[in-house]
Amino acid sequence: MTKRRWTKSDLIAFLEDKIQMETATQDEMEYYENYIWNNELEVNYTYKKLIREMKKEYMGN
């Protein structure tokens, strides 16, 4: 199986969906606000957590 590469837009769309569904944590909200203000994604714990969640959802687990 090939590795799935997530794009910046994939991550932002996933995060925006979580915000709209009101399932985003406070850290995720702050991460999104930081992205909106600075237009950059910082690679930190929240970023890695979102990638794991996206992978889990994509794989159907």
Protein backbone atom coordinates (compact mmCIF):
# COMPACT_ATOMS: atom_id res chain seq x y z
CA MET A 1 0.00 0.00 0.00
CA THR A 2 1.32 3.44 -0.85
CA LYS A 3 1.65 6.22 1.67
CA ARG A 4 -0.99 8.92 1.57
CA ARG A 5 0.36 12.45 1.45
CA TRP A 6 -1.90 15.03 3.04
CA THR A 7 -1.88 18.49 1.53
CA LYS A 8 -2.20 21.73 3.44
CA SER A 9 -5.71 22.19 2.02
CA ASP A 10 -6.71 18.66 3.17
CA LEU A 11 -5.67 19.47 6.72
CA ILE A 12 -7.43 22.84 6.77
CA ALA A 13 -10.62 21.38 5.30
CA PHE A 14 -10.61 18.61 7.92
CA LEU A 15 -10.06 21.16 10.69
CA GLU A 16 -12.80 23.46 9.36
CA ASP A 17 -15.21 20.50 9.30
CA LYS A 18 -14.37 19.72 12.93
CA ILE A 19 -14.99 23.36 13.85
CA GLN A 20 -18.35 23.45 12.03
CA MET A 21 -19.44 20.21 13.68
CA GLU A 22 -18.32 21.66 17.04
CA THR A 23 -15.99 18.72 17.74
CA ALA A 24 -12.76 20.72 17.64
CA THR A 25 -10.77 21.09 20.83
CA GLN A 26 -9.53 24.42 22.18
CA ASP A 27 -6.01 23.61 20.90
CA GLU A 28 -7.40 22.92 17.42
CA MET A 29 -9.34 26.18 17.45
CA GLU A 30 -6.20 28.11 18.41
CA TYR A 31 -4.21 26.24 15.76
CA TYR A 32 -6.77 27.28 13.13
CA GLU A 33 -6.78 30.89 14.33
CA ASN A 34 -2.99 30.93 14.15
CA TYR A 35 -3.18 29.61 10.58
CA ILE A 36 -5.70 32.32 9.61
CA TRP A 37 -3.59 35.12 11.10
CA ASN A 38 -0.14 33.94 9.97
CA ASN A 39 -1.02 31.82 6.91
CA GLU A 40 1.34 29.05 7.97
CA LEU A 41 0.94 25.64 9.53
CA GLU A 42 3.20 24.99 12.47
CA VAL A 43 4.30 21.37 12.84
CA ASN A 44 3.53 20.64 16.48
CA TYR A 45 1.51 18.21 18.57
CA THR A 46 -1.85 19.52 17.27
CA TYR A 47 -0.70 19.16 13.67
CA LYS A 48 0.41 15.57 14.24
CA LYS A 49 -2.80 14.75 16.09
CA LEU A 50 -4.89 16.05 13.19
CA ILE A 51 -2.88 14.00 10.69
CA ARG A 52 -3.45 10.87 12.79
CA GLU A 53 -7.19 11.58 12.95
CA MET A 54 -7.33 12.14 9.19
CA LYS A 55 -5.48 8.89 8.56
CA LYS A 56 -7.80 7.02 10.91
CA GLU A 57 -10.88 8.41 9.14
CA TYR A 58 -9.41 7.74 5.70
CA MET A 59 -8.59 4.13 6.57
CA GLY A 60 -12.06 3.64 8.04
CA ASN A 61 -11.05 2.82 11.60
